[in-house]
Amino acid sequence: MKAKPDAQWETLLDDLESRRRAALSGGGERRVRRERDAGRMTARERIDALADPGTFLEFGTFVTTPGEGGSALPATFLCGLAEIDGRPVAVGAEDFTVQGGGVGIHLARYKGSWGGFIEETALGYGIPLVLLMQGVGGSVELQQEKGYPELLATVPVFPVFDLMSSVPVVTAVLGPTAGSSAARAAISHFSVMTKDNGCLFAGGPPLVKQSLGLEVDKMELGGWQVHARQSGLIDNAVETEQEAIDQLRTFLSYLPSNVDELPPRIAGEDSAERGSDDILAIVSPNGRRAYDAHALICSVVDDDSFFEMTPDYGRSIRSGLARIDGHPVGVLATDNRHLAGAMDEHSSEKQTRFVEICDTFNLPIVYFVDVPGFMIGPDAERAGVLRKGARAVESIHRATVPVYTVQVRRSYGLAGQATGSPNKRSIRLAWPSGTWGDMPVQGGVESAFRQEIAAAEDPAAKRRELLERFAEQTSAWRTVEKFGVEEMIDPRDTRRYLGRLLKVARQTSRPGPKTGPSVRP
């Protein structure tokens, strides 16, 4: 005869279920409806959209937050473990319906979003951290509940920065986000923002008005056009929350779970031996003719595999993740449609951060180069282009992963040094259209022979004579013949060369933590 459970279980389990229903209700029907009316998902709906069905394992479900009149509301932050494409991840989501999703400083232990349980869990297990952001950061109400103000100089930030050199960290800004929550979005390897609702700032419009006397709209202060185009704090901006969540999943599909693993290879139907026959129609050897850098990348990498990052910031360089014969790679490409391809302070910062991410997570880098140099002029000098450009040079020269430089057309000056690596596994492939040197011949002749040209009987003829002489001396073939570049190739063979190099790189790679600089926010 089957034994009956103790009668006390019914009372205990009824209480458990009642508390679970309260936890799942968020900030209540009115606040939930307000979020949906604004076109936003709730925190739990966002987690459901992110995770593989049925895989979210929550922790801290029954944490409470003080409400009006001493009532107990659910937690401001949801967290747990889940799977994305069958791989484990740690997930945190701010619940804006409960006290604006404020950091739970009233708790004995933070749950996450600025240090705390879920971040420590991601570090401990060596799995990616996904944060879904929409919160006010600190909260006066929650500080009152704690009973005293913290001296923040005494509060450690572990493991916020430690995570950056260990596991992938990705963030989505899906609504108004301020203070520490906004800063947390910057301390990630990839960030995405929705255009209609996403915005972030150190202090919101009320604080700006109180402190500076300025009336400013939240989107004008910190919307996607500010942070995806001007500050570079946000990588990508999208139309909907589902697109944002899909981009987080896509980004993670190219990366390993941690620095001790290699990125996953996903072989498709696109043959490694496929030639890039359309490449000659995309790129003209004439350096004065602009071409579509995005089309160039897509002609070489596996079909539909290029995932672009930070497209609206530092636009003279394109960056993103792709696959070649299934091998994940980081891709950089000069885009001569912007600033004629010159590297300015924004593109230098963009490259530095991207290279550091690739190096941290064992992603080889492919660089399609057509750079005339660093941007010049008063604005560039005031922006500190040389300091930021020097950091771009440093990052790629410190990289331990192979850097495969494809010399498409130009490579001049210090900016040219920012396109290759001296490490023993890096290779330089040149196209017959390639030209390089300390500076372009025409500019060099004008600078070095200005007085001689001016004093000549026929300045134009003298200039032509000098240009012809130095053009012959600076022929790329002279470099090739002296083995100053590893190989000159037919542009249509670029994919085949890269596929074979990436296969060797994977077979010989030894993943692990890097000794150089970690990824900077």
Protein backbone atom coordinates (compact mmCIF):
# COMPACT_ATOMS: atom_id res chain seq x y z
CA MET A 1 0.00 0.00 0.00
CA LYS A 2 1.38 3.40 -1.04
CA ALA A 3 2.24 5.67 1.90
CA LYS A 4 0.41 8.99 2.21
CA PRO A 5 2.42 12.21 2.50
CA ASP A 6 2.41 14.03 5.81
CA ALA A 7 -0.58 16.41 5.99
CA GLN A 8 1.71 19.36 6.81
CA TRP A 9 3.12 19.22 3.25
CA GLU A 10 -0.11 20.60 1.83
CA THR A 11 0.17 23.79 3.90
CA LEU A 12 3.85 24.24 3.11
CA LEU A 13 3.43 23.64 -0.61
CA ASP A 14 0.37 25.90 -0.80
CA ASP A 15 2.47 28.66 0.78
CA LEU A 16 5.28 27.98 -1.70
CA GLU A 17 2.89 28.19 -4.65
CA SER A 18 1.29 31.38 -3.33
CA ARG A 19 4.70 33.02 -3.01
CA ARG A 20 5.65 31.84 -6.49
CA ARG A 21 2.53 33.43 -8.00
CA ALA A 22 3.40 36.71 -6.26
CA ALA A 23 6.98 36.55 -7.56
CA LEU A 24 5.82 35.93 -11.13
CA SER A 25 3.44 38.91 -11.03
CA GLY A 26 6.26 41.49 -11.16
CA GLY A 27 5.26 44.99 -10.11
CA GLY A 28 1.59 44.29 -10.59
CA GLU A 29 -0.93 44.37 -13.41
CA ARG A 30 -0.89 48.17 -13.82
CA ARG A 31 2.89 48.44 -14.20
CA VAL A 32 3.07 45.39 -16.46
CA ARG A 33 0.36 46.87 -18.70
CA ARG A 34 2.27 50.17 -18.87
CA GLU A 35 5.34 48.33 -20.18
CA ARG A 36 3.37 46.49 -22.82
CA ASP A 37 1.59 49.70 -23.88
CA ALA A 38 5.06 51.21 -24.43
CA GLY A 39 5.92 48.30 -26.72
CA ARG A 40 8.25 46.61 -24.22
CA MET A 41 8.36 43.03 -22.95
CA THR A 42 8.46 42.23 -19.26
CA ALA A 43 11.71 40.91 -17.78
CA ARG A 44 10.39 37.33 -17.75
CA GLU A 45 9.17 37.58 -21.33
CA ARG A 46 12.64 38.74 -22.37
CA ILE A 47 14.27 35.75 -20.72
CA ASP A 48 11.77 33.42 -22.40
CA ALA A 49 12.59 34.99 -25.78
CA LEU A 50 16.33 34.57 -25.16
CA ALA A 51 16.64 31.08 -23.71
CA ASP A 52 16.04 27.72 -25.35
CA PRO A 53 12.49 26.68 -24.35
CA GLY A 54 12.22 25.22 -20.85
CA THR A 55 15.88 25.76 -19.91
CA PHE A 56 15.69 28.77 -17.56
CA LEU A 57 16.60 27.70 -14.03
CA GLU A 58 15.89 30.63 -11.72
CA PHE A 59 17.65 31.57 -8.48
CA GLY A 60 16.40 34.10 -5.95
CA THR A 61 12.80 33.73 -7.10
CA PHE A 62 11.41 34.65 -3.70
CA VAL A 63 13.57 37.68 -2.95
CA THR A 64 11.38 40.64 -1.96
CA THR A 65 11.60 44.39 -2.42
CA PRO A 66 10.01 46.97 -0.12
CA GLY A 67 6.94 48.68 -1.60
CA GLU A 68 4.49 51.36 -0.57
CA GLY A 69 3.03 51.09 2.91
CA GLY A 70 5.42 48.33 3.91
CA SER A 71 4.20 45.91 1.23
CA ALA A 72 6.56 43.29 -0.19
CA LEU A 73 7.13 43.36 -3.92
CA PRO A 74 9.03 40.78 -6.01
CA ALA A 75 12.73 41.15 -6.80
CA THR A 76 13.97 44.01 -8.99
CA PHE A 77 16.38 41.62 -10.76
CA LEU A 78 15.74 38.15 -12.15
CA CYS A 79 18.61 35.73 -12.64
CA GLY A 80 19.46 32.14 -13.33
CA LEU A 81 21.03 29.63 -15.70
CA ALA A 82 19.72 28.86 -19.18
CA GLU A 83 20.80 27.45 -22.51
CA ILE A 84 21.25 29.17 -25.87
CA ASP A 85 21.57 26.76 -28.79
CA GLY A 86 22.22 24.03 -26.22
CA ARG A 87 25.12 25.88 -24.53
CA PRO A 88 24.85 27.03 -20.90
CA VAL A 89 24.73 30.76 -20.08
CA ALA A 90 24.11 32.88 -17.00
CA VAL A 91 21.21 35.33 -17.44
CA GLY A 92 20.17 38.46 -15.57
CA ALA A 93 17.25 40.79 -16.33
CA GLU A 94 16.25 44.02 -14.61
CA ASP A 95 12.52 44.19 -13.85
CA PHE A 96 11.53 47.80 -14.46
CA THR A 97 8.03 47.16 -13.07
CA VAL A 98 9.51 46.79 -9.56
CA GLN A 99 11.10 49.98 -8.20
CA GLY A 100 12.41 50.79 -11.68
CA GLY A 101 14.64 47.70 -11.67
CA GLY A 102 16.95 49.39 -9.15
CA VAL A 103 20.06 47.63 -7.85
CA GLY A 104 19.08 45.57 -4.81
CA ILE A 105 21.31 47.34 -2.27
CA HIS A 106 18.86 46.41 0.50
CA LEU A 107 19.75 42.71 0.12
CA ALA A 108 22.37 40.80 2.06
CA ARG A 109 23.90 39.92 -1.33
CA TYR A 110 23.44 41.50 -4.73
CA LYS A 111 21.78 39.24 -7.26
CA GLY A 112 23.61 40.86 -10.16
CA SER A 113 23.88 43.55 -12.86
CA TRP A 114 26.64 45.31 -10.91
CA GLY A 115 28.51 42.47 -9.26
CA GLY A 116 26.76 39.78 -7.28
CA PHE A 117 25.52 36.21 -7.50
CA ILE A 118 24.82 35.71 -11.21
CA GLU A 119 28.05 37.40 -12.29
CA GLU A 120 30.07 35.30 -9.85
CA THR A 121 28.24 32.24 -11.15
CA ALA A 122 29.19 33.05 -14.75
CA LEU A 123 32.81 33.47 -13.71
CA GLY A 124 32.82 30.32 -11.58
CA TYR A 125 31.28 28.07 -14.22
CA GLY A 126 33.14 29.72 -17.11
CA ILE A 127 30.00 30.48 -19.11
CA PRO A 128 28.78 33.60 -20.97
CA LEU A 129 26.88 36.30 -19.08
CA VAL A 130 23.79 37.83 -20.69
CA LEU A 131 22.28 40.98 -19.15
CA LEU A 132 18.93 42.44 -20.25
CA MET A 133 18.96 46.05 -19.09
CA GLN A 134 16.23 48.50 -18.17
CA GLY A 135 16.79 49.97 -14.74
CA VAL A 136 17.38 53.14 -12.75
CA GLY A 137 20.63 51.97 -11.15
CA GLY A 138 20.64 53.14 -7.54
CA SER A 139 17.42 53.91 -5.68
CA VAL A 140 16.83 56.33 -2.80
CA GLU A 141 13.92 54.17 -1.64
CA LEU A 142 16.05 51.03 -1.48
CA GLN A 143 18.85 52.92 0.26
CA GLN A 144 16.32 54.01 2.88
CA GLU A 145 15.40 50.38 3.43
CA LYS A 146 19.07 49.55 3.99
CA GLY A 147 19.15 52.17 6.71
CA TYR A 148 22.46 53.89 5.94
CA PRO A 149 24.31 55.32 2.93
CA GLU A 150 27.23 53.26 1.64
CA LEU A 151 30.59 54.87 1.03
CA LEU A 152 31.01 53.55 -2.51
CA ALA A 153 34.80 53.76 -2.35
CA THR A 154 34.60 50.75 -0.01
CA VAL A 155 32.43 48.63 -2.34
CA PRO A 156 34.37 46.18 -4.56
CA VAL A 157 33.35 45.78 -8.20
CA PHE A 158 34.23 42.08 -8.37
CA PRO A 159 33.65 40.38 -10.73
CA VAL A 160 32.44 43.07 -13.17
CA PHE A 161 35.83 43.64 -14.79
CA ASP A 162 37.25 40.16 -14.12
CA LEU A 163 34.57 38.69 -16.37
CA MET A 164 35.86 40.64 -19.37
CA SER A 165 39.05 38.61 -19.57
CA SER A 166 37.34 35.26 -18.87
CA VAL A 167 33.91 34.81 -20.50
CA PRO A 168 31.78 36.59 -23.12
CA VAL A 169 29.61 39.35 -21.62
CA VAL A 170 26.71 40.69 -23.68
CA THR A 171 24.11 43.33 -22.86
CA ALA A 172 20.86 44.56 -24.37
CA VAL A 173 19.48 48.01 -23.47
CA LEU A 174 15.73 47.65 -23.94
CA GLY A 175 14.35 50.68 -22.12
CA PRO A 176 15.46 53.69 -20.03
CA THR A 177 18.68 52.72 -18.24
CA ALA A 178 20.64 54.95 -15.87
CA GLY A 179 23.53 55.06 -13.41
CA SER A 180 25.30 51.79 -12.66
CA SER A 181 22.97 49.88 -15.00
CA ALA A 182 23.95 52.17 -17.87
CA ALA A 183 27.64 51.78 -17.04
CA ARG A 184 27.19 48.00 -16.96
CA ALA A 185 26.05 48.10 -20.58
CA ALA A 186 29.41 49.64 -21.48
CA ILE A 187 31.39 46.94 -19.68
CA SER A 188 30.60 44.19 -22.16
CA HIS A 189 31.98 42.59 -25.28
CA PHE A 190 28.84 43.30 -27.28
CA SER A 191 25.91 45.63 -26.66
CA VAL A 192 22.69 46.23 -28.55
CA MET A 193 19.94 48.82 -28.08
CA THR A 194 16.37 49.13 -29.35
CA LYS A 195 15.75 52.33 -31.29
CA ASP A 196 12.25 53.05 -30.01
CA ASN A 197 12.75 52.49 -26.28
CA GLY A 198 16.42 51.96 -25.53
CA CYS A 199 18.30 54.86 -23.95
CA LEU A 200 21.02 55.15 -21.33
CA PHE A 201 22.78 57.87 -19.40
CA ALA A 202 24.86 58.55 -16.31
CA GLY A 203 21.98 60.68 -15.06
CA GLY A 204 18.51 60.97 -16.55
CA PRO A 205 16.60 64.12 -17.62
CA PRO A 206 15.35 64.98 -14.09
CA LEU A 207 18.90 64.86 -12.72
CA VAL A 208 20.22 66.89 -15.67
CA LYS A 209 17.58 69.55 -15.06
CA GLN A 210 18.26 69.65 -11.32
CA SER A 211 22.05 69.77 -11.74
CA LEU A 212 22.52 71.78 -14.94
CA GLY A 213 19.21 73.53 -15.46
CA LEU A 214 18.83 71.93 -18.90
CA GLU A 215 15.56 70.57 -20.29
CA VAL A 216 16.44 67.52 -22.37
CA ASP A 217 14.46 64.61 -23.78
CA LYS A 218 15.65 61.13 -22.77
CA MET A 219 16.27 60.11 -26.38
CA GLU A 220 18.15 63.31 -27.13
CA LEU A 221 20.22 62.67 -24.02
CA GLY A 222 21.02 59.01 -24.53
CA GLY A 223 19.13 57.36 -27.38
CA TRP A 224 20.59 55.12 -30.05
CA GLN A 225 21.71 57.97 -32.31
CA VAL A 226 23.84 59.29 -29.44
CA HIS A 227 25.41 56.02 -28.37
CA ALA A 228 25.52 53.93 -31.57
CA ARG A 229 26.69 56.82 -33.78
CA GLN A 230 28.50 59.36 -31.61
CA SER A 231 29.81 57.90 -28.34
CA GLY A 232 30.37 54.35 -29.59
CA LEU A 233 29.14 53.01 -26.25
CA ILE A 234 26.54 50.80 -27.97
CA ASP A 235 27.57 48.45 -30.78
CA ASN A 236 24.33 47.85 -32.66
CA ALA A 237 20.89 49.46 -32.77
CA VAL A 238 17.80 47.53 -33.90
CA GLU A 239 14.09 48.10 -34.33
CA THR A 240 12.59 45.53 -31.94
CA GLU A 241 13.39 43.70 -28.71
CA GLN A 242 13.26 40.37 -30.48
CA GLU A 243 15.89 41.59 -32.97
CA ALA A 244 18.07 42.69 -30.04
CA ILE A 245 17.75 39.32 -28.37
CA ASP A 246 18.44 37.51 -31.65
CA GLN A 247 21.64 39.54 -32.06
CA LEU A 248 22.83 38.49 -28.60
CA ARG A 249 22.30 34.85 -29.57
CA THR A 250 24.08 35.35 -32.92
CA PHE A 251 27.09 37.09 -31.36
CA LEU A 252 27.52 34.29 -28.83
CA SER A 253 27.36 31.65 -31.57
CA TYR A 254 30.78 32.81 -32.84
CA LEU A 255 32.50 32.78 -29.44
CA PRO A 256 33.65 30.03 -27.09
CA SER A 257 32.08 29.79 -23.65
CA ASN A 258 35.32 31.00 -22.06
CA VAL A 259 38.95 31.76 -22.85
CA ASP A 260 40.02 28.15 -22.22
CA GLU A 261 38.09 26.94 -25.26
CA LEU A 262 38.32 27.48 -29.01
CA PRO A 263 35.39 29.11 -30.82
CA PRO A 264 32.98 26.53 -32.27
CA ARG A 265 33.45 25.60 -35.91
CA ILE A 266 30.16 25.23 -37.77
CA ALA A 267 30.69 23.77 -41.22
CA GLY A 268 28.12 24.69 -43.84
CA GLU A 269 27.55 23.99 -47.51
CA ASP A 270 29.80 26.80 -48.74
CA SER A 271 32.93 25.09 -50.09
CA ALA A 272 36.32 26.17 -48.76
CA GLU A 273 37.65 25.95 -52.32
CA ARG A 274 35.03 28.30 -53.74
CA GLY A 275 36.60 31.15 -55.65
CA SER A 276 35.45 34.74 -55.14
CA ASP A 277 34.78 35.36 -58.81
CA ASP A 278 32.72 38.52 -58.22
CA ILE A 279 35.53 40.22 -56.32
CA LEU A 280 37.06 41.82 -59.42
CA ALA A 281 33.74 43.53 -60.13
CA ILE A 282 33.48 44.78 -56.55
CA VAL A 283 36.96 46.29 -56.21
CA SER A 284 38.64 48.44 -58.86
CA PRO A 285 42.45 48.63 -58.88
CA ASN A 286 41.98 52.38 -59.38
CA GLY A 287 42.56 53.88 -55.94
CA ARG A 288 40.28 56.81 -56.71
CA ARG A 289 37.24 54.58 -57.13
CA ALA A 290 35.33 53.71 -53.97
CA TYR A 291 33.95 50.22 -53.49
CA ASP A 292 31.51 48.48 -51.14
CA ALA A 293 33.59 47.05 -48.29
CA HIS A 294 30.61 45.08 -47.00
CA ALA A 295 30.21 43.38 -50.38
CA LEU A 296 33.95 42.60 -50.42
CA ILE A 297 33.73 40.87 -47.04
CA CYS A 298 30.64 38.88 -48.02
CA SER A 299 32.27 37.69 -51.25
CA VAL A 300 35.06 36.00 -49.25
CA VAL A 301 33.38 34.67 -46.09
CA ASP A 302 30.83 31.85 -45.87
CA ASP A 303 27.42 32.71 -47.28
CA ASP A 304 25.26 34.79 -44.89
CA SER A 305 27.84 34.50 -42.10
CA PHE A 306 28.97 38.11 -41.67
CA PHE A 307 27.63 39.61 -38.44
CA GLU A 308 28.56 43.28 -38.42
CA MET A 309 29.36 45.09 -35.17
CA THR A 310 29.36 48.84 -34.56
CA PRO A 311 28.35 49.79 -38.12
CA ASP A 312 27.43 53.41 -37.34
CA TYR A 313 30.57 54.39 -35.38
CA GLY A 314 34.08 54.82 -36.79
CA ARG A 315 32.69 54.21 -40.25
CA SER A 316 36.00 54.23 -42.12
CA ILE A 317 36.48 50.71 -40.73
CA ARG A 318 33.97 47.85 -40.88
CA SER A 319 34.15 45.20 -38.18
CA GLY A 320 32.30 42.01 -37.40
CA LEU A 321 32.35 38.26 -36.99
CA ALA A 322 32.13 35.73 -39.81
CA ARG A 323 33.06 32.18 -40.82
CA ILE A 324 35.34 30.93 -43.54
CA ASP A 325 34.96 27.19 -44.17
CA GLY A 326 33.07 27.13 -40.87
CA HIS A 327 35.97 28.66 -38.91
CA PRO A 328 34.93 31.71 -36.85
CA VAL A 329 37.00 34.83 -37.53
CA GLY A 330 37.03 38.49 -36.64
CA VAL A 331 36.91 40.67 -39.75
CA LEU A 332 38.18 44.22 -40.22
CA ALA A 333 37.99 46.11 -43.49
CA THR A 334 38.82 49.63 -44.55
CA ASP A 335 35.75 51.40 -45.94
CA ASN A 336 37.02 54.05 -48.33
CA ARG A 337 33.52 55.50 -48.77
CA HIS A 338 34.05 57.29 -45.45
CA LEU A 339 36.97 59.71 -44.94
CA ALA A 340 38.53 58.03 -48.01
CA GLY A 341 39.40 55.16 -45.64
CA ALA A 342 41.53 57.25 -43.29
CA MET A 343 41.58 56.14 -39.66
CA ASP A 344 40.25 58.80 -37.29
CA GLU A 345 39.92 58.73 -33.50
CA HIS A 346 36.60 56.83 -33.66
CA SER A 347 37.74 54.10 -36.05
CA SER A 348 40.97 53.74 -34.04
CA GLU A 349 38.99 53.15 -30.84
CA LYS A 350 36.67 50.77 -32.66
CA GLN A 351 39.57 48.72 -33.99
CA THR A 352 41.36 48.61 -30.62
CA ARG A 353 38.36 47.22 -28.79
CA PHE A 354 37.52 44.74 -31.55
CA VAL A 355 41.06 43.37 -31.74
CA GLU A 356 41.15 42.92 -27.96
CA ILE A 357 37.88 40.95 -28.08
CA CYS A 358 39.18 38.68 -30.84
CA ASP A 359 42.47 38.11 -29.04
CA THR A 360 40.75 37.34 -25.73
CA PHE A 361 38.49 34.69 -27.27
CA ASN A 362 40.97 33.03 -29.67
CA LEU A 363 39.44 34.41 -32.87
CA PRO A 364 41.90 34.84 -35.76
CA ILE A 365 41.61 38.21 -37.51
CA VAL A 366 41.24 38.85 -41.23
CA TYR A 367 41.97 42.46 -42.24
CA PHE A 368 41.12 43.81 -45.72
CA VAL A 369 43.33 46.89 -46.05
CA ASP A 370 43.00 50.03 -48.15
CA VAL A 371 44.14 52.78 -45.77
CA PRO A 372 45.70 56.08 -46.88
CA GLY A 373 46.86 56.91 -43.35
CA PHE A 374 45.53 58.55 -40.22
CA MET A 375 43.08 61.41 -40.60
CA ILE A 376 44.77 64.79 -40.71
CA GLY A 377 43.62 68.34 -40.03
CA PRO A 378 42.72 70.53 -37.03
CA ASP A 379 39.71 68.46 -35.94
CA ALA A 380 41.70 65.24 -35.99
CA GLU A 381 44.53 66.78 -33.98
CA ARG A 382 42.15 68.18 -31.37
CA ALA A 383 40.54 64.74 -31.06
CA GLY A 384 43.90 63.14 -30.25
CA VAL A 385 44.00 60.94 -33.35
CA LEU A 386 47.65 60.01 -32.87
CA ARG A 387 47.19 58.78 -29.29
CA LYS A 388 44.13 56.74 -30.21
CA GLY A 389 45.80 55.56 -33.41
CA ALA A 390 48.86 54.46 -31.43
CA ARG A 391 46.58 52.33 -29.25
CA ALA A 392 45.18 50.69 -32.38
CA VAL A 393 48.74 49.86 -33.44
CA GLU A 394 49.55 48.54 -29.96
CA SER A 395 46.48 46.30 -29.76
CA ILE A 396 47.08 44.51 -33.06
CA HIS A 397 50.84 44.17 -32.44
CA ARG A 398 50.18 42.65 -28.99
CA ALA A 399 47.59 40.22 -30.34
CA THR A 400 48.53 36.58 -29.92
CA VAL A 401 46.03 35.26 -32.48
CA PRO A 402 46.98 35.09 -36.18
CA VAL A 403 46.29 38.27 -38.13
CA TYR A 404 45.83 37.66 -41.86
CA THR A 405 46.34 40.97 -43.64
CA VAL A 406 44.89 41.13 -47.16
CA GLN A 407 46.47 44.11 -48.90
CA VAL A 408 43.66 45.24 -51.21
CA ARG A 409 45.01 48.64 -52.28
CA ARG A 410 46.75 51.30 -50.14
CA SER A 411 48.73 51.01 -46.90
CA TYR A 412 50.57 54.12 -45.80
CA GLY A 413 52.25 55.46 -42.69
CA LEU A 414 51.53 54.57 -39.07
CA ALA A 415 47.96 53.59 -39.98
CA GLY A 416 49.45 50.88 -42.19
CA GLN A 417 51.23 49.48 -39.14
CA ALA A 418 47.82 49.20 -37.47
CA THR A 419 46.72 46.59 -40.02
CA GLY A 420 49.12 43.74 -39.33
CA SER A 421 50.82 41.83 -36.55
CA PRO A 422 54.45 40.76 -36.18
CA ASN A 423 53.58 37.56 -34.32
CA LYS A 424 54.92 34.35 -35.85
CA ARG A 425 51.53 33.07 -37.01
CA SER A 426 50.48 36.18 -38.90
CA ILE A 427 50.60 36.28 -42.70
CA ARG A 428 50.33 39.10 -45.24
CA LEU A 429 48.67 38.44 -48.61
CA ALA A 430 48.88 41.12 -51.30
CA TRP A 431 46.77 41.73 -54.38
CA PRO A 432 48.40 43.13 -57.57
CA SER A 433 46.42 46.32 -56.87
CA GLY A 434 48.34 46.90 -53.62
CA THR A 435 50.46 50.01 -53.04
CA TRP A 436 52.31 50.88 -49.83
CA GLY A 437 55.08 52.86 -48.21
CA ASP A 438 55.73 55.66 -45.75
CA MET A 439 53.36 57.91 -47.65
CA PRO A 440 51.68 58.13 -51.09
CA VAL A 441 54.14 59.07 -53.83
CA GLN A 442 52.31 62.23 -54.84
CA GLY A 443 52.16 63.65 -51.32
CA GLY A 444 55.76 62.63 -50.66
CA VAL A 445 57.04 64.31 -53.80
CA GLU A 446 55.14 67.51 -53.03
CA SER A 447 56.56 67.56 -49.51
CA ALA A 448 60.17 66.66 -50.29
CA PHE A 449 60.62 68.56 -53.56
CA ARG A 450 58.36 71.56 -53.09
CA GLN A 451 61.14 74.12 -53.65
CA GLU A 452 62.68 72.24 -56.60
CA ILE A 453 59.30 72.01 -58.35
CA ALA A 454 58.58 75.70 -57.74
CA ALA A 455 62.01 76.74 -59.14
CA ALA A 456 61.73 74.63 -62.32
CA GLU A 457 61.07 76.26 -65.69
CA ASP A 458 58.10 73.94 -66.13
CA PRO A 459 56.84 72.96 -62.62
CA ALA A 460 54.21 70.58 -64.03
CA ALA A 461 56.78 68.69 -66.11
CA LYS A 462 59.16 68.51 -63.15
CA ARG A 463 56.39 67.13 -60.98
CA ARG A 464 55.55 64.45 -63.57
CA GLU A 465 59.21 63.49 -63.86
CA LEU A 466 59.55 63.04 -60.09
CA LEU A 467 56.28 61.14 -59.81
CA GLU A 468 57.30 58.69 -62.55
CA ARG A 469 60.71 58.12 -60.96
CA PHE A 470 59.36 57.42 -57.49
CA ALA A 471 56.37 55.42 -58.73
CA GLU A 472 58.81 52.98 -60.33
CA GLN A 473 60.90 52.79 -57.15
CA THR A 474 57.86 52.17 -54.96
CA SER A 475 56.34 49.38 -57.06
CA ALA A 476 54.80 46.67 -54.87
CA TRP A 477 56.59 44.04 -56.94
CA ARG A 478 59.93 45.22 -55.59
CA THR A 479 58.69 44.29 -52.11
CA VAL A 480 57.39 40.92 -53.32
CA GLU A 481 60.66 40.11 -55.07
CA LYS A 482 62.59 40.80 -51.86
CA PHE A 483 60.15 38.63 -49.81
CA GLY A 484 58.88 41.71 -47.96
CA VAL A 485 55.38 40.23 -48.14
CA GLU A 486 54.59 36.54 -47.86
CA GLU A 487 52.58 36.09 -51.06
CA MET A 488 51.05 37.97 -53.99
CA ILE A 489 47.74 36.34 -54.95
CA ASP A 490 44.92 36.57 -57.44
CA PRO A 491 42.11 38.32 -55.50
CA ARG A 492 39.73 35.53 -56.53
CA ASP A 493 41.88 33.05 -54.55
CA THR A 494 41.59 35.01 -51.27
CA ARG A 495 38.98 32.71 -49.73
CA ARG A 496 40.98 29.57 -50.56
CA TYR A 497 44.14 30.92 -48.97
CA LEU A 498 42.33 32.10 -45.84
CA GLY A 499 40.44 28.82 -45.45
CA ARG A 500 43.67 26.81 -45.45
CA LEU A 501 45.40 29.22 -43.06
CA LEU A 502 42.46 29.11 -40.63
CA LYS A 503 42.50 25.31 -40.66
CA VAL A 504 46.17 25.32 -39.64
CA ALA A 505 45.51 27.99 -37.02
CA ARG A 506 42.77 25.91 -35.42
CA GLN A 507 44.84 22.74 -35.39
CA THR A 508 47.75 24.51 -33.67
CA SER A 509 45.92 26.89 -31.29
CA ARG A 510 46.29 26.49 -27.55
CA PRO A 511 43.52 28.47 -25.84
CA GLY A 512 43.91 30.05 -22.44
CA PRO A 513 44.00 33.40 -20.64
CA LYS A 514 46.03 36.13 -22.31
CA THR A 515 48.96 37.87 -20.68
CA GLY A 516 48.49 41.19 -22.49
CA PRO A 517 45.88 43.90 -21.87
CA SER A 518 42.36 42.61 -21.34
CA VAL A 519 39.36 44.07 -23.13
CA ARG A 520 38.81 47.64 -21.99
CA PRO A 521 35.26 49.01 -21.62
